Protein backbone atom coordinates (compact mmCIF):
# COMPACT_ATOMS: atom_id res chain seq x y z
CA UNK A 1 0.00 0.00 0.00
CA UNK A 2 1.55 3.34 -1.07
CA UNK A 3 1.14 6.65 0.73
CA UNK A 4 -1.83 7.89 -1.29
CA UNK A 5 -3.64 4.58 -0.87
CA UNK A 6 -3.09 4.71 2.88
CA UNK A 7 -4.29 8.32 3.00
CA UNK A 8 -7.42 7.26 1.15
CA UNK A 9 -7.94 4.34 3.55
CA UNK A 10 -7.52 6.51 6.65
CA UNK A 11 -9.92 9.12 5.30
CA UNK A 12 -12.70 6.56 5.18
CA UNK A 13 -13.06 6.98 8.95
CA UNK A 14 -11.13 10.20 9.71
CA UNK A 15 -11.93 13.75 8.54
CA UNK A 16 -9.75 14.96 5.68
CA UNK A 17 -7.99 17.50 7.90
CA UNK A 18 -7.10 14.73 10.37
CA UNK A 19 -4.89 12.97 7.83
CA UNK A 20 -1.85 15.04 6.88
CA UNK A 21 0.52 14.12 4.05
CA UNK A 22 1.67 17.35 2.38
CA UNK A 23 5.22 18.43 3.23
CA UNK A 24 4.25 21.74 4.82
CA UNK A 25 1.72 19.97 7.05
CA UNK A 26 4.19 17.28 8.12
CA UNK A 27 7.04 19.66 9.00
CA UNK A 28 5.88 20.48 12.57
CA UNK A 29 6.04 16.78 13.45
CA UNK A 30 9.59 16.04 12.23
CA UNK A 31 11.14 16.08 15.71
CA UNK A 32 10.36 16.19 19.43
CA UNK A 33 12.07 18.35 22.06
CA UNK A 34 15.40 16.79 21.08
CA UNK A 35 15.55 18.75 17.83
CA UNK A 36 19.04 17.49 16.95
CA UNK A 37 17.35 14.55 15.20
CA UNK A 38 14.77 15.18 12.48
CA UNK A 39 12.74 12.91 10.21
CA UNK A 40 9.62 13.66 8.19
CA UNK A 41 6.83 11.08 8.63
CA UNK A 42 5.00 9.57 5.69
CA UNK A 43 1.61 10.55 7.16
CA UNK A 44 0.29 12.16 10.33
CA UNK A 45 -3.03 10.91 11.74
CA UNK A 46 -4.97 12.95 14.31
CA UNK A 47 -7.70 10.79 15.87
CA UNK A 48 -10.33 12.32 18.18
CA UNK A 49 -11.62 9.11 19.81
CA UNK A 50 -10.35 5.75 21.00
CA UNK A 51 -12.29 4.02 18.22
CA UNK A 52 -10.41 6.07 15.64
CA UNK A 53 -7.11 5.07 17.27
CA UNK A 54 -8.15 1.42 16.97
CA UNK A 55 -9.07 1.81 13.30
CA UNK A 56 -5.77 3.53 12.51
CA UNK A 57 -3.79 0.76 14.19
CA UNK A 58 -5.81 -1.96 12.47
CA UNK A 59 -5.27 -0.33 9.06
CA UNK A 60 -1.52 -0.03 9.65
CA UNK A 61 -1.30 -3.60 10.96
CA UNK A 62 -2.94 -5.02 7.86
CA UNK A 63 -0.73 -2.89 5.58
CA UNK A 64 2.40 -3.58 7.71
CA UNK A 65 2.99 0.18 8.14
CA UNK A 66 5.09 1.37 11.13
CA UNK A 67 3.34 3.56 13.72
CA UNK A 68 4.94 6.09 16.06
CA UNK A 69 2.68 7.47 18.81
CA UNK A 70 3.27 11.10 19.80
CA UNK A 71 1.98 13.22 22.66
CA UNK A 72 2.88 16.89 23.11
CA UNK A 73 6.29 16.48 21.49
CA UNK A 74 8.22 17.65 24.57
CA UNK A 75 10.31 14.46 24.84
CA UNK A 76 14.09 14.81 25.03
CA UNK A 77 15.45 11.54 23.67
CA UNK A 78 14.05 11.35 20.14
CA UNK A 79 11.43 8.84 21.31
CA UNK A 80 8.70 10.37 19.13
CA UNK A 81 10.94 10.76 16.08
CA UNK A 82 8.78 9.76 13.09
CA UNK A 83 9.43 6.80 10.80
CA UNK A 84 10.07 7.82 7.20
CA UNK A 85 7.75 5.11 5.89
CA UNK A 86 5.26 5.20 8.73
CA UNK A 87 2.29 6.93 10.32
CA UNK A 88 2.82 9.40 13.14
CA UNK A 89 -0.16 8.86 15.44
CA UNK A 90 -0.77 12.11 17.32
CA UNK A 91 -2.86 11.79 20.47
CA UNK A 92 -3.09 15.55 21.00
CA UNK A 93 -6.86 15.65 20.44
CA UNK A 94 -7.60 13.06 23.14
CA UNK A 95 -7.48 15.60 25.96
CA UNK A 96 -10.53 15.03 28.14
CA UNK A 97 -10.53 14.48 31.89
CA UNK A 98 -13.09 11.68 31.86
CA UNK A 99 -13.63 11.33 35.61
CA UNK A 100 -12.27 12.90 38.79
CA UNK A 101 -13.11 11.12 42.04
CA UNK A 102 -12.07 13.19 45.09
CA UNK A 103 -13.10 10.45 47.52
CA UNK A 104 -10.97 7.80 45.82
CA UNK A 105 -8.31 10.42 45.02
CA UNK A 106 -8.09 9.37 41.38
CA UNK A 107 -8.61 10.88 37.96
CA UNK A 108 -9.24 9.03 34.71
CA UNK A 109 -7.87 10.99 31.79
CA UNK A 110 -7.10 10.69 28.10
CA UNK A 111 -3.44 10.67 27.00
CA UNK A 112 -3.44 14.19 25.55
CA UNK A 113 -4.33 15.84 28.88
CA UNK A 114 -1.51 18.12 30.07
CA UNK A 115 0.26 17.12 33.25
CA UNK A 116 -0.48 20.46 34.94
CA UNK A 117 -4.13 20.40 33.83
CA UNK A 118 -4.74 17.40 36.11
CA UNK A 119 -3.54 19.35 39.15
CA UNK A 120 -5.58 22.38 38.09
CA UNK A 121 -8.73 20.26 37.87
CA UNK A 122 -8.03 18.61 41.24
CA UNK A 123 -7.14 21.84 43.07
CA UNK A 124 -10.71 22.66 44.26
CA UNK A 125 -10.66 19.36 46.19
CA UNK A 126 -7.30 20.04 47.85
CA UNK A 127 -5.59 17.48 45.63
CA UNK A 128 -2.91 17.48 42.94
CA UNK A 129 -0.95 15.14 40.65
CA UNK A 130 2.52 14.77 42.18
CA UNK A 131 4.95 14.10 39.27
CA UNK A 132 6.00 17.51 37.99
CA UNK A 133 8.48 17.45 35.10
CA UNK A 134 9.84 20.87 34.19
CA UNK A 135 7.71 20.76 31.03
CA UNK A 136 4.51 20.04 33.00
CA UNK A 137 2.77 23.13 31.61
CA UNK A 138 2.91 21.50 28.15
CA UNK A 139 3.74 17.78 28.40
CA UNK A 140 0.91 15.25 28.18
CA UNK A 141 0.15 12.39 30.55
CA UNK A 142 0.42 9.81 27.77
CA UNK A 143 3.98 10.92 27.09
CA UNK A 144 4.70 10.85 30.84
CA UNK A 145 3.62 7.20 30.89
CA UNK A 146 5.70 6.38 27.81
CA UNK A 147 8.88 7.82 29.38
CA UNK A 148 8.08 7.23 33.08
CA UNK A 149 8.63 10.94 33.72
CA UNK A 150 9.55 12.39 37.10
CA UNK A 151 10.25 15.94 38.18
CA UNK A 152 11.70 17.95 41.02
CA UNK A 153 9.46 16.28 43.62
CA UNK A 154 9.96 12.68 42.50
CA UNK A 155 12.37 11.94 45.37
CA UNK A 156 9.50 11.85 47.89
CA UNK A 157 6.49 11.25 45.68
CA UNK A 158 7.90 8.98 43.00
CA UNK A 159 7.92 8.81 39.22
CA UNK A 160 4.92 8.31 36.94
CA UNK A 161 4.89 4.55 37.62
CA UNK A 162 4.33 5.23 41.32
CA UNK A 163 1.42 7.58 40.66
CA UNK A 164 -0.81 5.65 38.27
CA UNK A 165 -3.24 2.82 38.92
CA UNK A 166 -4.57 1.75 35.56
CA UNK A 167 -3.98 2.00 31.82
CA UNK A 168 -6.18 1.36 28.82
CA UNK A 169 -3.90 0.30 25.97
CA UNK A 170 -4.50 -0.56 22.31
CA UNK A 171 -2.20 -3.15 20.72
CA UNK A 172 -0.97 -2.86 17.14
CA UNK A 173 -3.75 -5.16 15.91
CA UNK A 174 -6.46 -3.10 17.63
CA UNK A 175 -6.99 -5.21 20.76
CA UNK A 176 -7.96 -3.32 23.94
CA UNK A 177 -6.01 -4.16 27.09
CA UNK A 178 -6.99 -3.05 30.61
CA UNK A 179 -3.78 -3.03 32.66
CA UNK A 180 -3.71 -2.42 36.42
CA UNK A 181 -6.74 -1.93 38.64
CA UNK A 182 -8.71 0.70 40.50
CA UNK A 183 -7.36 -0.69 43.78
CA UNK A 184 -3.81 -0.64 45.11
CA UNK A 185 -2.84 -3.89 43.44
CA UNK A 186 -3.88 -6.06 40.51
CA UNK A 187 -3.72 -9.82 39.98
CA UNK A 188 -1.10 -11.41 37.77
CA UNK A 189 2.15 -10.01 36.44
CA UNK A 190 2.93 -6.34 36.98
CA UNK A 191 2.22 -5.25 33.40
CA UNK A 192 1.51 -1.72 34.59
CA UNK A 193 5.19 -1.25 35.45
CA UNK A 194 6.20 -2.97 32.20
CA UNK A 195 4.08 -0.65 30.07
CA UNK A 196 5.20 2.49 31.93
CA UNK A 197 8.44 3.64 30.37
CA UNK A 198 8.10 1.33 27.35
CA UNK A 199 8.34 4.35 25.00
CA UNK A 200 5.35 3.44 22.82
CA UNK A 201 6.92 0.17 21.71
CA UNK A 202 4.31 -2.18 23.20
CA UNK A 203 0.99 -0.41 22.74
CA UNK A 204 -0.80 2.93 22.46
CA UNK A 205 -2.22 4.34 25.70
CA UNK A 206 -5.73 5.79 25.38
CA UNK A 207 -6.66 6.21 29.07
CA UNK A 208 -4.71 6.67 32.28
CA UNK A 209 -6.05 6.45 35.83
CA UNK A 210 -3.77 8.54 38.03
CA UNK A 211 -3.47 8.84 41.78
CA UNK A 212 -4.11 12.25 43.30
CA UNK A 213 -2.21 13.43 46.36
CA UNK A 214 -3.52 15.76 49.10
CA UNK A 215 -1.83 19.15 49.03
CA UNK A 216 0.48 19.50 52.03
CA UNK A 217 -0.48 22.02 54.66
CA UNK A 218 2.84 23.79 54.29
CA UNK A 219 6.01 23.67 52.22
CA UNK A 220 9.31 25.50 52.65
CA UNK A 221 12.59 25.47 50.74
CA UNK A 222 16.12 25.79 52.04
CA UNK A 223 18.47 27.39 49.51
CA UNK A 224 22.12 26.60 50.33
CA UNK A 225 25.17 27.86 48.44
CA UNK A 226 28.52 26.05 48.38
CA UNK A 227 32.06 26.96 47.33
CA UNK A 228 32.63 23.61 45.62
CA UNK A 229 30.60 20.79 44.08
CA UNK A 230 32.00 18.15 46.41
CA UNK A 231 30.67 19.93 49.51
CA UNK A 232 27.24 20.25 47.88
CA UNK A 233 27.31 16.56 46.98
CA UNK A 234 28.27 15.68 50.55
CA UNK A 235 25.36 17.78 51.81
CA UNK A 236 22.95 15.73 49.69
CA UNK A 237 24.32 12.49 51.14
CA UNK A 238 24.20 13.93 54.66
CA UNK A 239 20.53 14.90 54.36
CA UNK A 240 19.53 11.44 53.14
CA UNK A 241 21.84 9.81 55.67
CA UNK A 242 20.02 11.64 58.45
CA UNK A 243 16.82 9.83 57.49
CA UNK A 244 15.21 12.87 55.85
CA UNK A 245 13.33 12.35 52.59
CA UNK A 246 12.85 15.88 51.22
CA UNK A 247 9.91 16.68 48.98
CA UNK A 248 12.55 17.77 46.46
CA UNK A 249 16.30 18.21 46.39
CA UNK A 250 17.90 19.86 43.34
CA UNK A 251 21.37 21.12 42.52
CA UNK A 252 22.73 23.59 39.94
CA UNK A 253 26.31 24.54 39.15
CA UNK A 254 27.61 28.10 38.73
CA UNK A 255 27.05 28.30 34.98
CA UNK A 256 23.43 27.21 35.42
CA UNK A 257 22.66 29.58 38.29
CA UNK A 258 24.07 32.52 36.35
CA UNK A 259 22.04 31.63 33.27
CA UNK A 260 18.76 31.24 35.16
CA UNK A 261 19.34 34.29 37.35
CA UNK A 262 19.54 36.51 34.27
CA UNK A 263 16.31 34.93 33.05
CA UNK A 264 14.17 34.53 36.21
CA UNK A 265 15.85 36.69 38.88
CA UNK A 266 15.35 34.08 41.60
CA UNK A 267 17.90 35.66 43.93
CA UNK A 268 20.62 33.01 43.64
CA UNK A 269 24.19 33.49 44.86
CA UNK A 270 26.15 34.01 41.64
CA UNK A 271 29.55 33.44 43.25
CA UNK A 272 28.73 29.96 44.53
CA UNK A 273 30.09 26.88 42.76
CA UNK A 274 26.80 25.09 43.47
CA UNK A 275 23.30 25.91 44.65
CA UNK A 276 21.25 23.27 46.49
CA UNK A 277 17.46 23.51 46.91
CA UNK A 278 15.95 21.27 49.56
CA UNK A 279 12.20 21.31 50.27
CA UNK A 280 10.23 20.04 53.25
CA UNK A 281 6.46 19.65 53.21
CA UNK A 282 3.75 18.37 55.54
CA UNK A 283 2.07 19.84 58.60
CA UNK A 284 3.42 23.13 59.95
CA UNK A 285 5.03 21.31 62.88
CA UNK A 286 6.66 18.68 60.67
CA UNK A 287 8.01 21.28 58.29
CA UNK A 288 9.43 23.46 61.07
CA UNK A 289 11.29 20.52 62.59
CA UNK A 290 12.60 19.24 59.24
CA UNK A 291 13.70 22.68 58.05
CA UNK A 292 15.67 23.22 61.25
CA UNK A 293 17.38 19.86 60.78
CA UNK A 294 18.16 20.59 57.11
CA UNK A 295 19.65 23.98 58.01
CA UNK A 296 21.91 22.35 60.59
CA UNK A 297 23.08 19.75 58.07
CA UNK A 298 23.79 22.38 55.43
CA UNK A 299 25.87 24.39 57.90
CA UNK A 300 27.86 21.32 58.99
CA UNK A 301 28.39 20.41 55.32
CA UNK A 302 30.13 23.71 54.62
CA UNK A 303 27.43 25.90 53.07
CA UNK A 304 28.59 29.51 52.63
CA UNK A 305 25.03 30.84 52.57
CA UNK A 306 21.74 29.38 53.80
CA UNK A 307 18.31 30.91 53.19
CA UNK A 308 14.85 29.58 53.96
CA UNK A 309 11.80 30.68 51.98
CA UNK A 310 9.74 33.05 54.09
CA UNK A 311 6.44 32.58 52.28
CA UNK A 312 4.85 30.75 49.36
CA UNK A 313 5.83 33.44 46.86
CA UNK A 314 9.51 33.12 47.75
CA UNK A 315 9.31 29.31 47.68
CA UNK A 316 7.93 29.41 44.15
CA UNK A 317 10.57 31.97 43.20
CA UNK A 318 13.37 29.66 44.34
CA UNK A 319 11.88 26.80 42.32
CA UNK A 320 11.23 29.01 39.29
CA UNK A 321 14.95 29.28 38.67
CA UNK A 322 15.44 25.51 38.72
CA UNK A 323 12.47 24.88 36.45
CA UNK A 324 13.70 27.51 33.99
CA UNK A 325 17.12 25.90 33.51
CA UNK A 326 16.36 24.53 30.04
CA UNK A 327 14.90 27.71 28.53
CA UNK A 328 17.71 29.67 30.21
CA UNK A 329 20.22 27.52 28.33
CA UNK A 330 18.47 28.47 25.11
CA UNK A 331 19.12 32.15 25.86
CA UNK A 332 22.91 31.76 26.06
CA UNK A 333 23.52 29.19 23.31
CA UNK A 334 22.11 28.59 19.81
CA UNK A 335 21.57 24.90 20.68
CA UNK A 336 21.86 22.60 23.69
CA UNK A 337 21.94 18.83 24.09
CA UNK A 338 20.28 17.58 27.29
CA UNK A 339 21.57 14.33 28.77
CA UNK A 340 19.80 12.19 31.38
CA UNK A 341 22.04 9.82 33.32
CA UNK A 342 21.51 8.52 36.84
CA UNK A 343 24.25 7.68 39.34
CA UNK A 344 24.56 6.67 43.01
CA UNK A 345 24.50 9.80 45.18
CA UNK A 346 27.95 9.00 46.56
CA UNK A 347 29.40 9.41 43.05
CA UNK A 348 28.03 12.93 42.43
CA UNK A 349 31.23 14.85 43.03
CA UNK A 350 33.43 12.45 41.02
CA UNK A 351 31.09 12.35 38.03
CA UNK A 352 30.65 16.13 38.01
CA UNK A 353 34.43 16.52 38.08
CA UNK A 354 34.60 14.10 35.15
CA UNK A 355 32.04 16.12 33.20
CA UNK A 356 34.05 19.28 33.86
CA UNK A 357 37.18 17.58 32.48
CA UNK A 358 35.27 16.43 29.37
CA UNK A 359 34.01 19.98 28.85
CA UNK A 360 37.62 21.17 28.66
CA UNK A 361 38.62 18.25 26.43
CA UNK A 362 35.85 18.90 23.90
CA UNK A 363 35.93 22.69 24.16
CA UNK A 364 32.18 22.82 24.81
CA UNK A 365 30.43 24.49 27.74
CA UNK A 366 28.20 22.31 29.93
CA UNK A 367 25.54 23.45 32.38
CA UNK A 368 24.85 20.94 35.17
CA UNK A 369 21.40 20.77 36.72
CA UNK A 370 19.99 17.66 38.32
CA UNK A 371 17.70 15.89 40.75
CA UNK A 372 20.38 15.59 43.42
CA UNK A 373 18.30 13.49 45.80
CA UNK A 374 18.06 10.53 43.44
CA UNK A 375 21.24 11.16 41.44
CA UNK A 376 19.49 11.98 38.15
CA UNK A 377 21.83 14.23 36.16
CA UNK A 378 20.79 16.60 33.38
CA UNK A 379 24.00 18.00 31.86
CA UNK A 380 23.17 20.55 29.15
CA UNK A 381 25.93 20.60 26.54
CA UNK A 382 25.92 23.95 24.74
CA UNK A 383 26.80 23.94 21.04
CA UNK A 384 26.07 25.53 17.67
CA UNK A 385 24.60 23.19 15.06
CA UNK A 386 25.59 25.66 12.32
CA UNK A 387 29.26 24.96 12.96
CA UNK A 388 30.36 21.93 10.91
CA UNK A 389 31.07 18.91 13.07
CA UNK A 390 29.96 20.48 16.35
CA UNK A 391 26.80 18.38 16.70
CA UNK A 392 28.83 15.21 16.19
CA UNK A 393 31.35 16.41 18.79
CA UNK A 394 28.48 17.13 21.17
CA UNK A 395 27.02 13.65 20.68
CA UNK A 396 30.40 12.12 21.46
CA UNK A 397 30.68 14.27 24.59
CA UNK A 398 27.21 13.15 25.67
CA UNK A 399 28.04 9.49 25.05
CA UNK A 400 31.13 9.81 27.24
CA UNK A 401 28.98 11.22 30.06
CA UNK A 402 26.61 8.25 29.83
CA UNK A 403 29.50 5.78 29.82
CA UNK A 404 30.79 7.52 32.95
CA UNK A 405 27.38 7.05 34.60
CA UNK A 406 27.46 3.32 33.81
CA UNK A 407 30.99 2.99 35.21
CA UNK A 408 29.82 4.70 38.42
CA UNK A 409 27.15 2.01 38.83
CA UNK A 410 24.30 4.09 37.42
CA UNK A 411 22.09 4.07 34.33
CA UNK A 412 21.87 5.90 31.00
CA UNK A 413 18.44 7.36 31.67
CA UNK A 414 16.39 8.43 34.65
CA UNK A 415 13.25 9.89 33.09
CA UNK A 416 13.83 10.95 29.48
CA UNK A 417 13.88 7.46 28.00
CA UNK A 418 16.33 5.93 25.52
CA UNK A 419 14.65 6.79 22.21
CA UNK A 420 17.23 7.41 19.50
CA UNK A 421 19.63 9.43 21.61
CA UNK A 422 20.95 6.69 23.90
CA UNK A 423 20.37 3.53 21.87
CA UNK A 424 24.10 2.89 21.39
CA UNK A 425 24.77 3.21 25.12
CA UNK A 426 22.23 0.41 25.68
CA UNK A 427 24.98 -1.84 24.34
CA UNK A 428 27.19 -0.84 27.25
CA UNK A 429 24.44 -0.91 29.86
CA UNK A 430 23.13 -4.41 29.14
CA UNK A 431 24.48 -7.85 28.33
CA UNK A 432 23.41 -10.02 25.38
CA UNK A 433 20.96 -12.09 27.41
CA UNK A 434 19.24 -9.01 28.76
CA UNK A 435 18.85 -7.47 25.30
CA UNK A 436 17.42 -10.74 24.00
CA UNK A 437 14.84 -10.63 26.77
CA UNK A 438 13.88 -7.06 25.84
CA UNK A 439 13.34 -8.17 22.23
CA UNK A 440 11.24 -11.11 23.44
CA UNK A 441 8.99 -8.78 25.46
CA UNK A 442 8.60 -6.53 22.41
CA UNK A 443 7.69 -9.52 20.22
CA UNK A 444 5.05 -10.69 22.71
CA UNK A 445 3.11 -7.43 22.26
CA UNK A 446 4.16 -6.46 18.73
CA UNK A 447 5.37 -9.52 16.76
CA UNK A 448 5.68 -7.57 13.50
CA UNK A 449 7.78 -4.84 15.14
CA UNK A 450 5.56 -2.03 13.83
CA UNK A 451 5.26 0.14 16.97
CA UNK A 452 8.02 2.76 17.22
CA UNK A 453 10.59 0.55 15.47
CA UNK A 454 14.31 1.18 15.82
CA UNK A 455 14.02 2.89 19.22
CA UNK A 456 15.22 2.11 22.75
CA UNK A 457 16.43 -1.49 22.30
CA UNK A 458 19.35 -2.01 19.87
CA UNK A 459 19.94 -5.12 17.80
CA UNK A 460 23.03 -7.20 18.57
CA UNK A 461 24.44 -6.26 15.18
CA UNK A 462 24.06 -2.57 15.96
CA UNK A 463 25.98 -3.06 19.20
CA UNK A 464 28.79 -4.81 17.36
CA UNK A 465 28.92 -2.15 14.66
CA UNK A 466 29.15 0.63 17.22
CA UNK A 467 32.17 -0.76 18.96
CA UNK A 468 30.46 -2.50 21.85
CA UNK A 469 32.90 -5.41 21.78
CA UNK A 470 34.55 -5.06 25.15
CA UNK A 471 34.74 -6.76 28.50
CA UNK A 472 31.52 -5.96 30.40
CA UNK A 473 30.91 -6.97 34.00
CA UNK A 474 33.79 -9.42 33.79
CA UNK A 475 32.80 -11.08 30.52
CA UNK A 476 33.00 -10.32 26.84
CA UNK A 477 29.86 -8.78 25.39
CA UNK A 478 28.27 -10.58 22.42
CA UNK A 479 30.98 -13.27 22.00
CA UNK A 480 28.95 -14.96 19.27
CA UNK A 481 28.79 -11.81 17.12
CA UNK A 482 31.74 -11.57 14.68
CA UNK A 483 33.84 -8.44 14.82
CA UNK A 484 33.56 -6.26 11.74
């Protein structure tokens, strides 16, 4: 079936303006938030209902056409990059909050609902949706499920997988799956966790039942400045070691704080090597006690300045700087490449020193901003794509950072997914048997390999071709694959 035939087939059940195939109409869909990678889709389909999603998938399954599901397009790993010979299935029009149950503290929503819109709808009941990625004003809940997104408060309240109860998923052949349950647990295998973070490779989510969390009575932030990154890293470990689980704990280096201060004017110390934000929430009594303890720990850890938010406006102001790190990077560089590695907290200082050394080696600036409490790093490599070879240099720099995270005992992604960006580093992260198991899981849901093909899980041949032949965890990787 050629493109025009598929367009004609899709238009038998979709309005003409919901099936895009002209170049100028396809252009807005050629990339996600990771704009370094671009690919025009063959067709874009814009369903309005679950039944239309089913019909699109059934048509593509029969014709053996690849399908890439897309939410708001805010992803940062190339996970929604279109397939040149496939259909980009946009879920942007499925944006209804179908049910909000204050008593059960749940909301049932369609995948195109914005993350922040859930909290806005729940606010009159004193509830909110806890995961809060920096893009929450725009990102959609379906994309959050696909990437298992987190945010600045994920240390205490968890990632997406910890805040959802149930999914309604459509398989590539149009079958409806109900995964999870309305209660706290569901019988059988934990397919809810399997589907969350699967990057659209196993099915297309059409409904999500999320947990809602009561708004805390009070929240306060301690802003601590440090003369060196190691002291700030030690402070993080000391807070956790004291048995405190902050609502959020974020760190920024000097380059980041200077960039965001010019943009947001949050009142950060511009001379500090690192800024640490540590939030406590709960009852007024709980917060007062925890804040006092945090202040004492920061002082013992060598903070050169400690400030506590005096009211809600100042608390939000402190956080505004952290949440504006990405757009602030865009103000001081033509392009930036955002990485997403996770490391043990004890390795923070060593890995940050390693990133600094790589920055000098490659001659590229790097802003460091990260979820310090759970060791999720977001180095922002600044570059200019108009300079020949600079993107390739940036990619190599980024790959070295991810390899460093693996060597430190961490992972290549915390919340952005693998997508296209990190697929080669999957060869370093996992052994042959593990990759085979990933492919087996994919085949169980999508035997034809039509959903988001070529993403997240590399083939063994790809690993061999990209130089993955090395000793890994004490054994040679892919010994049966010939060297090329």
